[in-house]
């Protein structure tokens, strides 16, 4: 419809919007990416390359950990009822 609904992803930039050309928050005018996690990876790679200078930075995309791999970290989000309450209060 109006482009205000995008695919939900576990990681995204600026409320699922593509950063402005200068890398800043696009506000509510930014384009909605088809692949929010891919856009986050691309922007992270650009910023890392900028900081590292001559070092090579390669973004490989998505992958799965091998069976039996050690869990390094875990992230859990707020329950849906808390997220919904926040959305209703700030939308």
N, C-alpha and C. Protein backbone atom coordinates (compact mmCIF):
# COMPACT_ATOMS: atom_id res chain seq x y z
N UNK A 1 0.83 -1.17 0.00
CA UNK A 1 0.00 0.00 0.00
C UNK A 1 0.88 1.24 0.00
N UNK A 2 1.03 1.89 1.14
CA UNK A 2 1.79 3.14 1.16
C UNK A 2 3.27 2.94 1.44
N UNK A 3 3.71 1.70 1.61
CA UNK A 3 5.13 1.45 1.86
C UNK A 3 5.52 1.56 3.32
N UNK A 4 4.55 1.65 4.20
CA UNK A 4 4.85 1.81 5.62
C UNK A 4 5.00 0.48 6.36
N UNK A 5 4.68 -0.61 5.71
CA UNK A 5 4.82 -1.92 6.34
C UNK A 5 5.93 -2.66 5.63
N UNK A 6 6.89 -3.17 6.39
CA UNK A 6 7.99 -3.90 5.79
C UNK A 6 8.14 -5.26 6.45
N UNK A 7 8.98 -6.07 5.85
CA UNK A 7 9.27 -7.39 6.41
C UNK A 7 9.90 -7.21 7.78
N UNK A 8 9.52 -8.03 8.73
CA UNK A 8 10.08 -7.97 10.08
C UNK A 8 11.38 -8.76 10.09
N UNK A 9 12.42 -8.18 10.70
CA UNK A 9 13.72 -8.83 10.78
C UNK A 9 14.28 -8.64 12.18
N UNK A 10 15.14 -9.56 12.62
CA UNK A 10 15.70 -9.43 13.97
C UNK A 10 16.68 -8.28 14.10
N UNK A 11 17.17 -7.76 12.99
CA UNK A 11 18.06 -6.60 13.02
C UNK A 11 17.69 -5.72 11.85
N UNK A 12 17.70 -4.42 12.09
CA UNK A 12 17.39 -3.47 11.03
C UNK A 12 17.93 -2.11 11.45
N UNK A 13 17.93 -1.18 10.53
CA UNK A 13 18.40 0.17 10.80
C UNK A 13 17.23 1.14 10.81
N UNK A 14 17.26 2.09 11.69
CA UNK A 14 16.31 3.21 11.67
C UNK A 14 14.87 2.78 11.43
N UNK A 15 14.37 1.90 12.26
CA UNK A 15 12.99 1.43 12.14
C UNK A 15 12.70 0.84 10.77
N UNK A 16 13.61 0.03 10.29
CA UNK A 16 13.48 -0.64 9.00
C UNK A 16 13.47 0.34 7.83
N UNK A 17 14.33 1.33 7.90
CA UNK A 17 14.50 2.25 6.77
C UNK A 17 15.97 2.28 6.37
N UNK A 18 16.23 2.54 5.10
CA UNK A 18 17.60 2.60 4.60
C UNK A 18 18.19 3.94 5.00
N UNK A 19 19.44 3.97 5.54
CA UNK A 19 20.06 5.24 5.93
C UNK A 19 20.17 6.20 4.75
N UNK A 20 20.21 7.49 5.05
CA UNK A 20 20.41 8.51 4.02
C UNK A 20 21.79 8.30 3.38
N UNK A 21 22.03 8.94 2.24
CA UNK A 21 23.30 8.77 1.52
C UNK A 21 24.52 9.07 2.38
N UNK A 22 24.37 9.99 3.34
CA UNK A 22 25.51 10.32 4.22
C UNK A 22 25.58 9.42 5.44
N UNK A 23 24.72 8.38 5.49
CA UNK A 23 24.75 7.42 6.59
C UNK A 23 23.93 7.80 7.80
N UNK A 24 23.22 8.91 7.72
CA UNK A 24 22.44 9.37 8.87
C UNK A 24 21.02 8.81 8.86
N UNK A 25 20.34 9.01 9.97
CA UNK A 25 18.96 8.57 10.13
C UNK A 25 18.08 9.25 9.08
N UNK A 26 17.34 8.47 8.28
CA UNK A 26 16.51 9.05 7.24
C UNK A 26 15.18 9.60 7.74
N UNK A 27 14.91 9.43 9.03
CA UNK A 27 13.62 9.87 9.56
C UNK A 27 12.50 9.03 8.97
N UNK A 28 11.33 9.61 8.80
CA UNK A 28 10.21 8.83 8.26
C UNK A 28 10.14 8.89 6.74
N UNK A 29 11.18 9.41 6.10
CA UNK A 29 11.19 9.53 4.64
C UNK A 29 12.06 8.47 3.96
N UNK A 30 12.79 7.69 4.74
CA UNK A 30 13.69 6.70 4.16
C UNK A 30 12.95 5.57 3.46
N UNK A 31 13.62 4.99 2.50
CA UNK A 31 13.08 3.85 1.75
C UNK A 31 13.04 2.62 2.65
N UNK A 32 12.02 1.80 2.52
CA UNK A 32 11.91 0.54 3.25
C UNK A 32 12.66 -0.53 2.46
N UNK A 33 13.64 -1.19 3.06
CA UNK A 33 14.39 -2.20 2.32
C UNK A 33 13.62 -3.51 2.18
N UNK A 34 13.88 -4.24 1.11
CA UNK A 34 13.29 -5.57 0.93
C UNK A 34 13.94 -6.56 1.89
N UNK A 35 15.20 -6.30 2.24
CA UNK A 35 15.96 -7.19 3.13
C UNK A 35 16.57 -6.35 4.26
N UNK A 36 15.82 -6.10 5.35
CA UNK A 36 16.32 -5.25 6.43
C UNK A 36 17.64 -5.73 7.02
N UNK A 37 17.79 -7.02 7.24
CA UNK A 37 19.04 -7.54 7.81
C UNK A 37 20.19 -7.36 6.83
N UNK A 38 19.94 -7.55 5.55
CA UNK A 38 20.98 -7.34 4.54
C UNK A 38 21.43 -5.89 4.48
N UNK A 39 20.49 -4.96 4.61
CA UNK A 39 20.84 -3.53 4.64
C UNK A 39 21.66 -3.21 5.88
N UNK A 40 21.31 -3.80 7.02
CA UNK A 40 22.08 -3.58 8.25
C UNK A 40 23.50 -4.11 8.07
N UNK A 41 23.65 -5.28 7.46
CA UNK A 41 24.97 -5.85 7.19
C UNK A 41 25.77 -4.94 6.27
N UNK A 42 25.14 -4.45 5.21
CA UNK A 42 25.84 -3.58 4.26
C UNK A 42 26.30 -2.29 4.93
N UNK A 43 25.44 -1.68 5.73
CA UNK A 43 25.81 -0.43 6.41
C UNK A 43 26.90 -0.68 7.45
N UNK A 44 26.80 -1.77 8.20
CA UNK A 44 27.84 -2.12 9.17
C UNK A 44 29.18 -2.29 8.45
N UNK A 45 29.16 -2.96 7.31
CA UNK A 45 30.38 -3.17 6.53
C UNK A 45 30.96 -1.85 6.05
N UNK A 46 30.09 -0.94 5.56
CA UNK A 46 30.56 0.37 5.09
C UNK A 46 31.21 1.15 6.23
N UNK A 47 30.56 1.17 7.38
CA UNK A 47 31.10 1.92 8.52
C UNK A 47 32.39 1.29 9.04
N UNK A 48 32.46 -0.03 9.07
CA UNK A 48 33.67 -0.72 9.51
C UNK A 48 34.81 -0.44 8.55
N UNK A 49 34.54 -0.47 7.25
CA UNK A 49 35.57 -0.17 6.25
C UNK A 49 36.08 1.26 6.41
N UNK A 50 35.17 2.18 6.69
CA UNK A 50 35.56 3.58 6.89
C UNK A 50 36.51 3.70 8.08
N UNK A 51 36.23 2.97 9.15
CA UNK A 51 37.07 3.03 10.35
C UNK A 51 38.41 2.31 10.18
N UNK A 52 38.41 1.22 9.42
CA UNK A 52 39.62 0.41 9.29
C UNK A 52 40.55 0.87 8.17
N UNK A 53 40.07 1.74 7.31
CA UNK A 53 40.92 2.26 6.25
C UNK A 53 41.30 1.21 5.22
N UNK A 54 42.58 0.85 5.18
CA UNK A 54 43.08 -0.07 4.15
C UNK A 54 42.75 -1.54 4.39
N UNK A 55 42.30 -1.89 5.57
CA UNK A 55 41.98 -3.29 5.85
C UNK A 55 40.78 -3.73 5.01
N UNK A 56 40.81 -4.96 4.58
CA UNK A 56 39.72 -5.49 3.75
C UNK A 56 38.53 -5.91 4.61
N UNK A 57 37.35 -5.48 4.22
CA UNK A 57 36.11 -5.87 4.90
C UNK A 57 35.23 -6.57 3.87
N UNK A 58 34.82 -7.79 4.17
CA UNK A 58 33.97 -8.54 3.27
C UNK A 58 32.71 -8.98 4.01
N UNK A 59 31.56 -8.63 3.47
CA UNK A 59 30.28 -9.05 4.04
C UNK A 59 29.83 -10.29 3.29
N UNK A 60 29.54 -11.34 4.00
CA UNK A 60 29.22 -12.63 3.37
C UNK A 60 27.73 -12.95 3.34
N UNK A 61 26.91 -12.23 4.06
CA UNK A 61 25.49 -12.56 4.08
C UNK A 61 25.13 -13.44 5.26
N UNK A 62 24.09 -14.22 5.11
CA UNK A 62 23.61 -15.03 6.22
C UNK A 62 24.24 -16.42 6.21
N UNK A 63 24.29 -17.02 7.38
CA UNK A 63 24.83 -18.37 7.53
C UNK A 63 24.25 -19.00 8.79
N UNK A 64 24.34 -20.30 8.89
CA UNK A 64 23.90 -21.02 10.08
C UNK A 64 25.12 -21.57 10.79
N UNK A 65 25.05 -21.60 12.11
CA UNK A 65 26.12 -22.20 12.90
C UNK A 65 26.10 -23.71 12.67
N UNK A 66 27.27 -24.33 12.70
CA UNK A 66 27.30 -25.79 12.56
C UNK A 66 26.58 -26.48 13.72
N UNK A 67 26.08 -27.66 13.48
CA UNK A 67 25.42 -28.45 14.52
C UNK A 67 26.38 -28.64 15.70
N UNK A 68 25.90 -28.38 16.91
CA UNK A 68 26.72 -28.57 18.10
C UNK A 68 27.65 -27.41 18.42
N UNK A 69 27.55 -26.31 17.68
CA UNK A 69 28.42 -25.15 17.94
C UNK A 69 28.11 -24.55 19.31
N UNK A 70 29.12 -23.95 19.93
CA UNK A 70 28.95 -23.30 21.22
C UNK A 70 28.20 -21.98 21.04
N UNK A 71 27.18 -21.76 21.85
CA UNK A 71 26.44 -20.50 21.80
C UNK A 71 27.29 -19.41 22.42
N UNK A 72 27.55 -18.35 21.68
CA UNK A 72 28.38 -17.25 22.16
C UNK A 72 27.57 -16.18 22.87
N UNK A 73 26.35 -15.96 22.42
CA UNK A 73 25.52 -14.91 23.00
C UNK A 73 24.06 -15.20 22.66
N UNK A 74 23.19 -14.52 23.36
CA UNK A 74 21.76 -14.68 23.10
C UNK A 74 21.10 -13.32 23.32
N UNK A 75 20.15 -13.01 22.47
CA UNK A 75 19.39 -11.77 22.59
C UNK A 75 17.91 -12.13 22.65
N UNK A 76 17.22 -11.56 23.60
CA UNK A 76 15.78 -11.78 23.71
C UNK A 76 15.10 -10.42 23.74
N UNK A 77 14.04 -10.30 22.99
CA UNK A 77 13.33 -9.02 22.94
C UNK A 77 12.23 -8.99 23.98
N UNK A 78 11.65 -7.81 24.11
CA UNK A 78 10.52 -7.64 25.03
C UNK A 78 9.36 -8.50 24.53
N UNK A 79 8.50 -8.94 25.45
CA UNK A 79 7.32 -9.72 25.02
C UNK A 79 6.43 -8.89 24.10
N UNK A 80 5.65 -9.58 23.29
CA UNK A 80 4.79 -8.92 22.31
C UNK A 80 3.88 -7.89 22.97
N UNK A 81 3.33 -8.18 24.15
CA UNK A 81 2.42 -7.21 24.78
C UNK A 81 3.15 -5.91 25.13
N UNK A 82 4.42 -5.99 25.52
CA UNK A 82 5.18 -4.76 25.81
C UNK A 82 5.50 -4.01 24.52
N UNK A 83 5.87 -4.73 23.48
CA UNK A 83 6.16 -4.09 22.20
C UNK A 83 4.90 -3.42 21.64
N UNK A 84 3.77 -4.09 21.76
CA UNK A 84 2.51 -3.52 21.27
C UNK A 84 2.13 -2.27 22.05
N UNK A 85 2.30 -2.30 23.36
CA UNK A 85 2.00 -1.13 24.18
C UNK A 85 2.89 0.04 23.79
N UNK A 86 4.17 -0.23 23.56
CA UNK A 86 5.10 0.83 23.14
C UNK A 86 4.67 1.39 21.79
N UNK A 87 4.36 0.49 20.86
CA UNK A 87 3.94 0.93 19.53
C UNK A 87 2.70 1.82 19.60
N UNK A 88 1.72 1.42 20.40
CA UNK A 88 0.50 2.21 20.52
C UNK A 88 0.76 3.56 21.18
N UNK A 89 1.68 3.61 22.12
CA UNK A 89 1.99 4.86 22.81
C UNK A 89 2.82 5.81 21.95
N UNK A 90 3.63 5.27 21.04
CA UNK A 90 4.58 6.09 20.29
C UNK A 90 4.36 6.07 18.79
N UNK A 91 3.21 5.65 18.34
CA UNK A 91 2.97 5.57 16.91
C UNK A 91 1.97 6.62 16.47
